Every structure is written in C-alpha cells, then in structure tokens.
Amino acid sequence: MSIYDFSAETLDGKPAPLSAYADKVVLIVNTASKCGFTPQYAGLEALYRKYRDRGLVVLGFPCNQFGAQEPGDAAEIANFCSLTYDVDFPMMRKIEVNGPDTHPLYAWLKHAKKGLLGSEGVKWNSTKFLVDRKGEVVKRFAPTDTPQSLEGAIEALL
C-alpha cells in the first residue's frame, strides 16, 4: 500500500484522491487553529513555497481531537488559514486521527511509522509524516519538530 490508495476531501468538499500527488514528496500534518503549535503554519507554508517547484506538497488535515483546538467548520478553518498565515498548500476536511473514527489514511500512516516506544497513536497537533515519491512513509516527526528542522530530510527525498 501507499498514500496513493487513499482519498480525502478538500476543505471545500471536493474529492482529493492522494494519487494526484504521485511522484511528489508529501508532508502530511494534522493541524489546529488554536494550538501552541499553530504558528507552524507559517513554517509549513515557507517549506511549501520553497520546495513546491521541486516536487514537495504539504497537506494539512485539521483535527479537533486534542484539547478541542480546531472547533471551527470548514469555512472558518479556510478563512483562518488564509487570513492569518496566507496558507496556499492544500487543506483537507477536518478528520479524526485517533480512535474508532480514525481516517483510513491516518490509520495506515500511524501503522507504517510508529511513534515513541512503538506507539501508533498521534499524541498531539502538528505530528508530521514525510512520504517519498513512491507514496511510502519514510519518517514521522513529533509536534515539537519545527518545519524548518525537516528541510534536510525533505531535500534528501527531492
């Protein structure tokens, strides 16, 4: 399996088959608008702008499972991302990343690259998964790993 076997929905409700990102390096991040890690949007956008012409795509997946820090609907999330951080990378519909309603993509990501001590659960907002051009997860990054700290790993895959 690869990320290309999954699909999501954009914030505006359009289907987003991840096969559209074939042959790209993809950084997948669960996001929240009211979190201490929210300023990472700026770093994620900077990575996207710096490397998109070389094949990087950043995909944001809003999630309200951690401290209810993403309470808004799709329109509110889109407005916040656009107005506050000038986000241009693709943002998907709000999903769950843990529990019985985990989005199938996240179930696969968590199993492919486990966290600390082999745990699969996503611990907080801004957990990042780096995917190579074949659609395979190569690394999982903690919320505290800043977008800038990922540059070396991203460049190695580009």
Protein backbone atom coordinates (compact mmCIF):
# COMPACT_ATOMS: atom_id res chain seq x y z
CA MET A 1 0.00 0.00 0.00
CA SER A 2 0.91 3.65 -0.39
CA ILE A 3 -0.75 7.02 0.21
CA TYR A 4 -2.00 6.74 -3.38
CA ASP A 5 -4.53 4.13 -2.21
CA PHE A 6 -6.33 6.76 -0.10
CA SER A 7 -8.58 9.70 -0.69
CA ALA A 8 -9.63 12.70 1.33
CA GLU A 9 -11.86 15.73 0.88
CA THR A 10 -10.68 19.30 0.49
CA LEU A 11 -11.97 21.98 2.85
CA ASP A 12 -14.47 22.99 0.17
CA GLY A 13 -15.81 19.42 -0.04
CA LYS A 14 -14.18 18.27 -3.27
CA PRO A 15 -12.77 14.75 -3.57
CA ALA A 16 -8.99 14.67 -3.20
CA PRO A 17 -7.55 11.31 -4.28
CA LEU A 18 -3.99 11.20 -2.99
CA SER A 19 -2.97 9.54 -6.25
CA ALA A 20 -2.98 13.12 -7.57
CA TYR A 21 0.31 13.53 -5.68
CA ALA A 22 2.07 10.61 -7.37
CA ASP A 23 5.79 11.26 -7.82
CA LYS A 24 5.73 14.07 -5.23
CA VAL A 25 7.31 14.26 -1.80
CA VAL A 26 4.40 14.78 0.58
CA LEU A 27 4.42 16.18 4.11
CA ILE A 28 1.18 15.29 5.92
CA VAL A 29 0.34 17.26 9.08
CA ASN A 30 -2.62 17.23 11.47
CA THR A 31 -3.36 20.87 12.21
CA ALA A 32 -5.35 23.02 14.62
CA SER A 33 -6.08 26.74 14.62
CA LYS A 34 -5.99 27.34 18.38
CA CYS A 35 -2.91 25.39 19.45
CA GLY A 36 0.52 26.37 20.69
CA PHE A 37 1.86 24.75 17.52
CA THR A 38 -0.45 26.78 15.24
CA PRO A 39 2.38 29.18 14.30
CA GLN A 40 3.96 26.21 12.49
CA TYR A 41 1.53 27.05 9.67
CA ALA A 42 4.00 29.81 8.71
CA GLY A 43 6.89 27.35 8.57
CA LEU A 44 4.87 24.78 6.66
CA GLU A 45 3.88 27.42 4.12
CA ALA A 46 7.52 28.54 3.83
CA LEU A 47 8.60 24.93 3.12
CA TYR A 48 5.84 24.56 0.56
CA ARG A 49 6.78 27.76 -1.26
CA LYS A 50 10.49 26.96 -1.18
CA TYR A 51 10.24 23.38 -2.46
CA ARG A 52 6.97 23.00 -4.37
CA ASP A 53 8.67 23.60 -7.73
CA ARG A 54 10.97 20.69 -6.88
CA GLY A 55 8.05 18.41 -6.03
CA LEU A 56 7.04 18.99 -2.38
CA VAL A 57 3.40 19.06 -1.37
CA VAL A 58 2.25 19.87 2.16
CA LEU A 59 -1.18 18.51 3.11
CA GLY A 60 -2.93 19.88 6.18
CA PHE A 61 -5.54 17.76 7.95
CA PRO A 62 -7.42 19.78 10.60
CA CYS A 63 -8.28 17.77 13.70
CA ASN A 64 -10.24 18.71 16.82
CA GLN A 65 -9.20 15.73 18.97
CA PHE A 66 -6.53 17.47 21.05
CA GLY A 67 -7.90 19.96 23.54
CA ALA A 68 -10.74 20.90 21.13
CA GLN A 69 -8.29 23.27 19.43
CA GLU A 70 -9.92 23.10 15.98
CA PRO A 71 -13.58 23.84 16.75
CA GLY A 72 -14.44 25.68 13.53
CA ASP A 73 -16.22 24.44 10.44
CA ALA A 74 -14.54 24.18 7.04
CA ALA A 75 -15.22 27.82 6.10
CA GLU A 76 -13.82 29.11 9.41
CA ILE A 77 -10.70 26.94 9.06
CA ALA A 78 -10.17 28.12 5.47
CA ASN A 79 -10.57 31.77 6.46
CA PHE A 80 -8.21 31.42 9.41
CA CYS A 81 -5.50 29.69 7.35
CA SER A 82 -5.78 32.18 4.52
CA LEU A 83 -6.07 35.39 6.51
CA THR A 84 -3.69 34.56 9.37
CA TYR A 85 -0.95 32.55 7.64
CA ASP A 86 -1.58 33.05 3.89
CA VAL A 87 -1.71 29.26 3.54
CA ASP A 88 -1.57 28.15 -0.07
CA PHE A 89 -0.85 24.44 0.46
CA PRO A 90 -3.82 22.06 0.23
CA MET A 91 -6.00 21.84 3.32
CA MET A 92 -8.34 18.90 3.76
CA ARG A 93 -11.61 18.46 5.65
CA LYS A 94 -11.43 18.03 9.40
CA ILE A 95 -10.76 14.41 10.34
CA GLU A 96 -10.04 12.23 13.34
CA VAL A 97 -6.53 10.83 13.65
CA ASN A 98 -7.14 8.52 16.65
CA GLY A 99 -9.94 6.30 17.92
CA PRO A 100 -12.70 4.36 16.19
CA ASP A 101 -13.37 7.07 13.58
CA THR A 102 -9.73 7.47 12.52
CA HIS A 103 -9.45 8.46 8.87
CA PRO A 104 -8.15 5.42 6.90
CA LEU A 105 -5.10 7.39 5.72
CA TYR A 106 -4.08 8.11 9.30
CA ALA A 107 -4.66 4.51 10.37
CA TRP A 108 -2.20 3.49 7.66
CA LEU A 109 0.32 6.29 8.38
CA LYS A 110 0.40 5.51 12.11
CA HIS A 111 0.94 1.81 11.45
CA ALA A 112 3.63 2.46 8.82
CA LYS A 113 5.67 4.76 11.09
CA LYS A 114 5.09 4.28 14.77
CA GLY A 115 5.82 6.94 17.35
CA LEU A 116 7.85 6.84 20.54
CA LEU A 117 8.22 3.41 22.08
CA GLY A 118 6.34 1.86 19.15
CA SER A 119 3.02 3.56 19.86
CA GLU A 120 0.76 4.21 16.90
CA GLY A 121 -1.41 6.95 18.36
CA VAL A 122 -0.91 10.55 17.31
CA LYS A 123 -0.03 12.38 20.51
CA TRP A 124 -0.92 15.98 19.56
CA ASN A 125 -1.47 18.51 16.81
CA SER A 126 1.35 19.07 14.29
CA THR A 127 2.53 15.47 14.12
CA LYS A 128 4.14 15.18 10.69
CA PHE A 129 4.57 12.27 8.29
CA LEU A 130 7.06 12.55 5.43
CA VAL A 131 6.25 10.48 2.34
CA ASP A 132 8.61 9.75 -0.55
CA ARG A 133 7.90 9.88 -4.28
CA LYS A 134 6.70 6.26 -4.22
CA GLY A 135 3.99 7.10 -1.69
CA GLU A 136 5.73 5.36 1.21
CA VAL A 137 6.13 6.88 4.68
CA VAL A 138 9.81 7.41 5.42
CA LYS A 139 9.71 9.38 8.68
CA ARG A 140 7.41 10.54 11.44
CA PHE A 141 8.13 13.82 13.21
CA ALA A 142 6.91 15.00 16.61
CA PRO A 143 4.82 18.15 17.05
CA THR A 144 7.88 19.86 18.55
CA ASP A 145 9.89 19.28 15.35
CA THR A 146 9.65 22.61 13.56
CA PRO A 147 9.01 22.68 9.82
CA GLN A 148 12.46 24.23 9.30
CA SER A 149 14.09 21.26 11.06
CA LEU A 150 12.64 18.96 8.38
CA GLU A 151 14.47 20.64 5.49
CA GLY A 152 17.35 18.15 5.38
CA ALA A 153 15.00 15.16 5.28
CA ILE A 154 12.87 16.82 2.60
CA GLU A 155 15.84 17.79 0.46
CA ALA A 156 17.16 14.22 0.63
CA LEU A 157 13.91 12.98 -0.96
CA LEU A 158 13.65 15.71 -3.59
